[in-house]
Protein backbone atom coordinates (compact mmCIF):
# COMPACT_ATOMS: atom_id res chain seq x y z
CA UNK A 1 0.00 0.00 0.00
CA UNK A 2 2.90 2.31 0.78
CA UNK A 3 4.26 1.87 -2.79
CA UNK A 4 0.87 2.86 -4.21
CA UNK A 5 0.97 6.16 -2.29
CA UNK A 6 4.47 6.88 -3.51
CA UNK A 7 3.36 6.31 -7.11
CA UNK A 8 0.29 8.53 -6.61
CA UNK A 9 2.42 11.35 -5.16
CA UNK A 10 5.00 11.08 -7.98
CA UNK A 11 2.25 11.10 -10.59
CA UNK A 12 0.76 14.20 -8.96
CA UNK A 13 4.09 16.00 -9.08
CA UNK A 14 4.64 15.11 -12.73
CA UNK A 15 1.12 16.20 -13.70
CA UNK A 16 1.80 19.70 -12.34
CA UNK A 17 3.34 20.35 -15.76
CA UNK A 18 0.14 19.41 -17.55
CA UNK A 19 -0.49 19.82 -21.28
CA UNK A 20 -3.19 22.39 -20.45
CA UNK A 21 -0.61 24.59 -18.73
CA UNK A 22 1.76 24.27 -21.66
CA UNK A 23 -1.01 25.09 -24.15
CA UNK A 24 -1.85 28.17 -22.11
CA UNK A 25 1.70 29.45 -22.70
CA UNK A 26 1.30 28.98 -26.45
CA UNK A 27 -2.00 30.86 -26.75
CA UNK A 28 -0.60 34.33 -26.23
CA UNK A 29 -1.63 37.04 -28.65
CA UNK A 30 0.66 37.19 -31.64
CA UNK A 31 0.81 39.96 -34.24
CA UNK A 32 -0.04 37.44 -37.00
CA UNK A 33 -3.09 35.34 -36.16
CA UNK A 34 -4.82 32.91 -38.50
CA UNK A 35 -7.18 30.00 -38.18
CA UNK A 36 -5.96 26.45 -38.60
CA UNK A 37 -7.65 26.31 -42.04
CA UNK A 38 -5.93 29.52 -43.14
CA UNK A 39 -2.53 28.14 -42.08
CA UNK A 40 -3.25 24.83 -43.86
CA UNK A 41 -4.12 26.73 -47.06
CA UNK A 42 -0.91 28.82 -46.95
CA UNK A 43 1.68 26.30 -45.77
CA UNK A 44 2.88 23.05 -47.26
CA UNK A 45 1.92 19.93 -45.33
CA UNK A 46 5.46 19.68 -43.90
CA UNK A 47 5.54 23.38 -42.94
CA UNK A 48 2.15 23.03 -41.24
CA UNK A 49 3.31 19.93 -39.34
CA UNK A 50 6.43 21.66 -38.05
CA UNK A 51 5.28 25.26 -37.57
CA UNK A 52 1.73 24.69 -36.33
CA UNK A 53 1.92 21.19 -34.79
CA UNK A 54 5.47 21.33 -33.36
CA UNK A 55 6.79 18.53 -35.55
CA UNK A 56 10.45 17.88 -36.32
CA UNK A 57 12.08 17.37 -39.70
CA UNK A 58 14.54 14.55 -40.30
CA UNK A 59 18.11 15.51 -39.35
CA UNK A 60 20.46 16.41 -42.22
CA UNK A 61 17.48 16.91 -44.59
CA UNK A 62 17.48 20.72 -44.81
CA UNK A 63 19.39 22.48 -47.59
CA UNK A 64 19.71 25.41 -45.15
CA UNK A 65 22.34 23.42 -43.23
CA UNK A 66 24.82 24.34 -45.95
CA UNK A 67 23.99 28.05 -46.30
CA UNK A 68 27.05 30.17 -45.56
CA UNK A 69 26.38 33.30 -47.63
CA UNK A 70 25.42 36.48 -45.84
CA UNK A 71 21.71 36.97 -45.32
CA UNK A 72 18.71 36.58 -43.04
CA UNK A 73 16.64 33.56 -42.11
CA UNK A 74 12.95 34.44 -41.77
CA UNK A 75 9.90 32.55 -40.51
CA UNK A 76 8.47 30.43 -43.35
CA UNK A 77 4.95 31.21 -42.12
CA UNK A 78 5.00 34.99 -41.66
CA UNK A 79 8.35 36.39 -42.84
CA UNK A 80 9.52 37.60 -39.42
CA UNK A 81 13.32 38.09 -39.43
CA UNK A 82 14.71 35.50 -37.00
CA UNK A 83 18.41 34.75 -37.56
CA UNK A 84 21.42 36.12 -39.44
CA UNK A 85 24.01 33.96 -41.19
CA UNK A 86 26.81 35.51 -39.11
CA UNK A 87 25.36 33.77 -36.02
CA UNK A 88 24.98 30.36 -37.72
CA UNK A 89 27.39 27.53 -36.90
CA UNK A 90 27.85 23.88 -37.79
CA UNK A 91 26.71 21.95 -34.74
CA UNK A 92 26.84 18.50 -36.33
CA UNK A 93 23.30 17.81 -35.09
CA UNK A 94 21.67 17.80 -38.52
CA UNK A 95 19.60 20.96 -38.09
CA UNK A 96 20.47 24.60 -38.80
CA UNK A 97 21.98 25.99 -35.60
CA UNK A 98 22.50 29.56 -34.41
CA UNK A 99 24.04 31.00 -31.25
CA UNK A 100 21.54 33.88 -31.07
CA UNK A 101 18.45 35.31 -32.74
CA UNK A 102 17.59 38.76 -34.02
CA UNK A 103 16.69 40.82 -30.92
CA UNK A 104 12.99 40.58 -30.06
CA UNK A 105 12.18 38.08 -32.81
CA UNK A 106 11.37 35.02 -30.68
CA UNK A 107 8.88 33.86 -28.09
CA UNK A 108 9.63 30.96 -25.77
CA UNK A 109 7.63 28.14 -24.28
CA UNK A 110 8.47 24.69 -23.01
CA UNK A 111 7.53 21.16 -23.90
CA UNK A 112 7.82 17.74 -22.29
CA UNK A 113 7.33 15.57 -25.39
CA UNK A 114 10.48 13.56 -24.65
CA UNK A 115 9.73 13.14 -20.96
CA UNK A 116 11.79 16.09 -19.77
CA UNK A 117 11.35 19.82 -20.07
CA UNK A 118 12.92 21.59 -23.06
CA UNK A 119 12.92 25.28 -23.99
CA UNK A 120 10.86 25.64 -27.14
CA UNK A 121 11.58 28.48 -29.57
CA UNK A 122 8.62 30.10 -31.32
CA UNK A 123 8.33 32.85 -33.90
CA UNK A 124 7.56 36.03 -31.95
CA UNK A 125 5.15 37.27 -34.63
CA UNK A 126 3.01 34.19 -35.41
CA UNK A 127 3.85 31.66 -32.66
CA UNK A 128 5.11 29.08 -35.15
CA UNK A 129 7.27 26.29 -33.69
CA UNK A 130 10.88 26.71 -34.80
CA UNK A 131 12.87 24.31 -32.63
CA UNK A 132 14.56 24.23 -29.23
CA UNK A 133 17.22 26.03 -27.21
CA UNK A 134 20.16 24.15 -25.69
CA UNK A 135 23.17 25.16 -23.59
CA UNK A 136 25.76 23.38 -25.74
CA UNK A 137 26.55 26.12 -28.26
CA UNK A 138 29.90 27.78 -28.91
CA UNK A 139 31.50 28.74 -25.60
CA UNK A 140 33.38 31.60 -27.22
CA UNK A 141 30.09 33.38 -28.05
CA UNK A 142 26.81 32.81 -26.19
CA UNK A 143 27.12 29.13 -25.24
CA UNK A 144 23.60 28.66 -26.65
CA UNK A 145 22.44 26.50 -29.55
CA UNK A 146 19.19 27.43 -31.26
CA UNK A 147 18.42 24.10 -32.96
CA UNK A 148 15.96 25.06 -35.71
CA UNK A 149 13.93 23.08 -38.22
CA UNK A 150 15.02 24.21 -41.70
CA UNK A 151 11.42 23.83 -42.92
CA UNK A 152 10.42 26.58 -40.47
CA UNK A 153 12.79 29.03 -42.19
CA UNK A 154 13.28 30.73 -45.52
CA UNK A 155 16.64 32.27 -46.43
CA UNK A 156 16.92 35.76 -47.90
CA UNK A 157 20.43 36.52 -49.22
CA UNK A 158 21.89 39.92 -48.43
CA UNK A 159 21.66 42.26 -51.42
């Protein structure tokens, strides 16, 4: 009986980070707001899955991994300027990685999809899921790694 109580208490502690609480964080008012049907009509199926349903693309599948020319990476859903090439680095993880974002361009949330809490990065203008933030970036700069789905971005070369 004692083991049952321990399990009940542990379950109660874990459920304090419920999906409802996480969804509440993601429902803030964004500058760009559209219905699910509007997003589906504007985005490809893969873009919708990643940006609106927090999916993840296969590692090493994005052509943006190889972009080195000067320019800006913008949100594929709304065009918000998110990252600059000068802050991109090769992390070896298979996804485009940056050590910082354009100031004020992101919103943050958290998810527990893998059983532990991760910092989720969202587009600050439309709330689209971009990827996650980790503390294993270049130590000589910020020490942060913004691990971003290439499908969530479009690249605009510098003119």
